């Protein structure tokens, strides 16, 4: 059976932690900051865990199966 190819778009959007969890950036943090409060902008900074329901599909995109 041929090797699974990594989805390059997924590899740019998701990172794997040392313990094997998947992390992602939050949306709404690219532009149009004038209408967003500073508190909202700060809370959107950093990464969050990928939802448990999406992990299996994303791992497939990252060729981990």
N, C-alpha and C. Protein backbone atom coordinates (compact mmCIF):
# COMPACT_ATOMS: atom_id res chain seq x y z
N UNK A 1 0.84 -1.18 0.00
CA UNK A 1 0.00 0.00 0.00
C UNK A 1 0.88 1.25 0.00
N UNK A 2 0.51 2.27 -0.77
CA UNK A 2 1.37 3.46 -0.84
C UNK A 2 1.33 4.26 0.45
N UNK A 3 2.34 5.09 0.60
CA UNK A 3 2.41 5.95 1.78
C UNK A 3 1.28 6.98 1.75
N UNK A 4 0.87 7.41 2.95
CA UNK A 4 -0.13 8.48 3.04
C UNK A 4 0.58 9.81 2.89
N UNK A 5 0.01 10.71 2.13
CA UNK A 5 0.60 12.03 1.96
C UNK A 5 0.04 12.99 2.99
N UNK A 6 0.92 13.85 3.50
CA UNK A 6 0.51 14.87 4.45
C UNK A 6 -0.18 16.00 3.72
N UNK A 7 -1.31 16.44 4.26
CA UNK A 7 -1.98 17.63 3.72
C UNK A 7 -1.16 18.84 4.15
N UNK A 8 -0.59 19.55 3.20
CA UNK A 8 0.27 20.69 3.52
C UNK A 8 -0.51 21.82 4.17
N UNK A 9 -1.79 21.98 3.80
CA UNK A 9 -2.58 23.03 4.44
C UNK A 9 -2.80 22.70 5.92
N UNK A 10 -3.04 21.44 6.22
CA UNK A 10 -3.24 21.04 7.62
C UNK A 10 -1.95 21.16 8.42
N UNK A 11 -0.83 20.83 7.80
CA UNK A 11 0.44 20.89 8.52
C UNK A 11 0.82 22.31 8.89
N UNK A 12 0.33 23.28 8.13
CA UNK A 12 0.59 24.68 8.45
C UNK A 12 -0.34 25.22 9.52
N UNK A 13 -1.47 24.55 9.74
CA UNK A 13 -2.48 25.05 10.67
C UNK A 13 -2.45 24.39 12.03
N UNK A 14 -1.89 23.20 12.13
CA UNK A 14 -1.92 22.43 13.37
C UNK A 14 -0.52 22.05 13.80
N UNK A 15 -0.31 22.04 15.12
CA UNK A 15 0.97 21.63 15.69
C UNK A 15 0.72 20.54 16.71
N UNK A 16 1.65 19.62 16.80
CA UNK A 16 1.55 18.53 17.75
C UNK A 16 2.41 18.85 18.97
N UNK A 17 1.88 18.65 20.16
CA UNK A 17 2.63 18.92 21.38
C UNK A 17 3.50 17.72 21.72
N UNK A 18 4.31 17.87 22.74
CA UNK A 18 5.18 16.78 23.16
C UNK A 18 4.42 15.57 23.66
N UNK A 19 3.23 15.80 24.22
CA UNK A 19 2.41 14.69 24.72
C UNK A 19 1.51 14.10 23.65
N UNK A 20 1.51 14.70 22.44
CA UNK A 20 0.74 14.15 21.34
C UNK A 20 -0.58 14.84 21.07
N UNK A 21 -0.89 15.88 21.84
CA UNK A 21 -2.13 16.62 21.58
C UNK A 21 -1.96 17.52 20.38
N UNK A 22 -3.07 17.90 19.76
CA UNK A 22 -3.04 18.81 18.63
C UNK A 22 -3.45 20.20 19.08
N UNK A 23 -2.73 21.21 18.63
CA UNK A 23 -3.03 22.60 18.98
C UNK A 23 -3.30 23.38 17.71
N UNK A 24 -4.10 24.46 17.85
CA UNK A 24 -4.43 25.30 16.71
C UNK A 24 -4.52 26.75 17.15
N UNK A 25 -4.38 27.66 16.18
CA UNK A 25 -4.59 29.09 16.44
C UNK A 25 -6.08 29.36 16.48
N UNK A 26 -6.47 30.44 17.13
CA UNK A 26 -7.87 30.83 17.17
C UNK A 26 -8.20 31.76 16.01
N UNK A 27 -9.43 31.72 15.58
CA UNK A 27 -9.89 32.56 14.48
C UNK A 27 -10.14 33.99 14.97
N UNK A 28 -10.43 34.89 14.04
CA UNK A 28 -10.78 36.29 14.31
C UNK A 28 -9.61 37.11 14.85
N UNK A 29 -8.39 36.76 14.51
CA UNK A 29 -7.24 37.49 15.03
C UNK A 29 -6.34 37.98 13.89
N UNK A 30 -6.86 38.17 12.71
CA UNK A 30 -6.05 38.57 11.58
C UNK A 30 -6.11 40.06 11.27
N UNK A 31 -7.30 40.62 11.32
CA UNK A 31 -7.46 42.02 10.92
C UNK A 31 -8.74 42.59 11.54
N UNK A 32 -9.04 43.86 11.22
CA UNK A 32 -10.23 44.57 11.72
C UNK A 32 -10.24 44.64 13.25
N UNK A 33 -9.13 45.12 13.82
CA UNK A 33 -9.02 45.18 15.27
C UNK A 33 -9.71 46.39 15.88
N UNK A 34 -10.06 47.39 15.07
CA UNK A 34 -10.68 48.60 15.62
C UNK A 34 -12.00 48.28 16.30
N UNK A 35 -12.74 47.35 15.74
CA UNK A 35 -14.05 47.03 16.31
C UNK A 35 -14.00 45.99 17.41
N UNK A 36 -12.84 45.39 17.63
CA UNK A 36 -12.70 44.38 18.67
C UNK A 36 -12.04 45.00 19.88
N UNK A 37 -12.52 44.61 21.06
CA UNK A 37 -11.94 45.15 22.29
C UNK A 37 -10.55 44.55 22.50
N UNK A 38 -9.74 45.26 23.27
CA UNK A 38 -8.39 44.77 23.56
C UNK A 38 -8.45 43.48 24.35
N UNK A 39 -9.43 43.37 25.23
CA UNK A 39 -9.61 42.15 26.01
C UNK A 39 -9.89 40.96 25.11
N UNK A 40 -10.74 41.17 24.12
CA UNK A 40 -11.07 40.10 23.16
C UNK A 40 -9.85 39.72 22.35
N UNK A 41 -9.10 40.71 21.90
CA UNK A 41 -7.91 40.45 21.09
C UNK A 41 -6.87 39.64 21.88
N UNK A 42 -6.68 40.01 23.14
CA UNK A 42 -5.72 39.29 23.98
C UNK A 42 -6.16 37.86 24.22
N UNK A 43 -7.47 37.67 24.44
CA UNK A 43 -7.95 36.32 24.73
C UNK A 43 -7.86 35.41 23.51
N UNK A 44 -7.82 35.98 22.32
CA UNK A 44 -7.70 35.18 21.11
C UNK A 44 -6.25 34.84 20.78
N UNK A 45 -5.31 35.41 21.52
CA UNK A 45 -3.90 35.13 21.28
C UNK A 45 -3.55 33.73 21.77
N UNK A 46 -2.50 33.16 21.23
CA UNK A 46 -2.04 31.86 21.66
C UNK A 46 -2.78 30.73 20.97
N UNK A 47 -2.53 29.53 21.44
CA UNK A 47 -3.13 28.35 20.81
C UNK A 47 -4.09 27.67 21.78
N UNK A 48 -4.98 26.89 21.22
CA UNK A 48 -5.94 26.11 22.00
C UNK A 48 -5.93 24.67 21.48
N UNK A 49 -6.43 23.76 22.30
CA UNK A 49 -6.51 22.36 21.88
C UNK A 49 -7.56 22.19 20.79
N UNK A 50 -7.32 21.26 19.90
CA UNK A 50 -8.30 20.90 18.88
C UNK A 50 -9.42 20.13 19.56
N UNK A 51 -10.64 20.35 19.12
CA UNK A 51 -11.79 19.67 19.71
C UNK A 51 -11.65 18.16 19.51
N UNK A 52 -12.07 17.41 20.53
CA UNK A 52 -11.87 15.96 20.51
C UNK A 52 -12.57 15.29 19.33
N UNK A 53 -13.68 15.87 18.87
CA UNK A 53 -14.39 15.29 17.74
C UNK A 53 -13.68 15.46 16.42
N UNK A 54 -12.73 16.39 16.35
CA UNK A 54 -12.01 16.65 15.11
C UNK A 54 -10.64 15.99 15.04
N UNK A 55 -10.17 15.46 16.15
CA UNK A 55 -8.79 14.95 16.22
C UNK A 55 -8.54 13.84 15.22
N UNK A 56 -9.47 12.87 15.11
CA UNK A 56 -9.25 11.73 14.23
C UNK A 56 -9.10 12.18 12.78
N UNK A 57 -9.95 13.12 12.34
CA UNK A 57 -9.91 13.60 10.97
C UNK A 57 -8.62 14.38 10.70
N UNK A 58 -8.19 15.19 11.65
CA UNK A 58 -6.98 15.99 11.46
C UNK A 58 -5.74 15.10 11.46
N UNK A 59 -5.72 14.07 12.29
CA UNK A 59 -4.59 13.15 12.29
C UNK A 59 -4.48 12.45 10.94
N UNK A 60 -5.60 12.16 10.33
CA UNK A 60 -5.57 11.55 9.01
C UNK A 60 -4.97 12.51 7.99
N UNK A 61 -5.32 13.79 8.10
CA UNK A 61 -4.76 14.80 7.19
C UNK A 61 -3.25 14.96 7.40
N UNK A 62 -2.81 14.75 8.64
CA UNK A 62 -1.39 14.86 8.94
C UNK A 62 -0.64 13.55 8.71
N UNK A 63 -1.31 12.56 8.14
CA UNK A 63 -0.72 11.25 7.80
C UNK A 63 -0.15 10.56 9.02
N UNK A 64 -0.91 10.55 10.10
CA UNK A 64 -0.44 9.88 11.32
C UNK A 64 -1.06 8.51 11.51
N UNK A 65 -1.93 8.08 10.61
CA UNK A 65 -2.56 6.77 10.74
C UNK A 65 -1.89 5.77 9.84
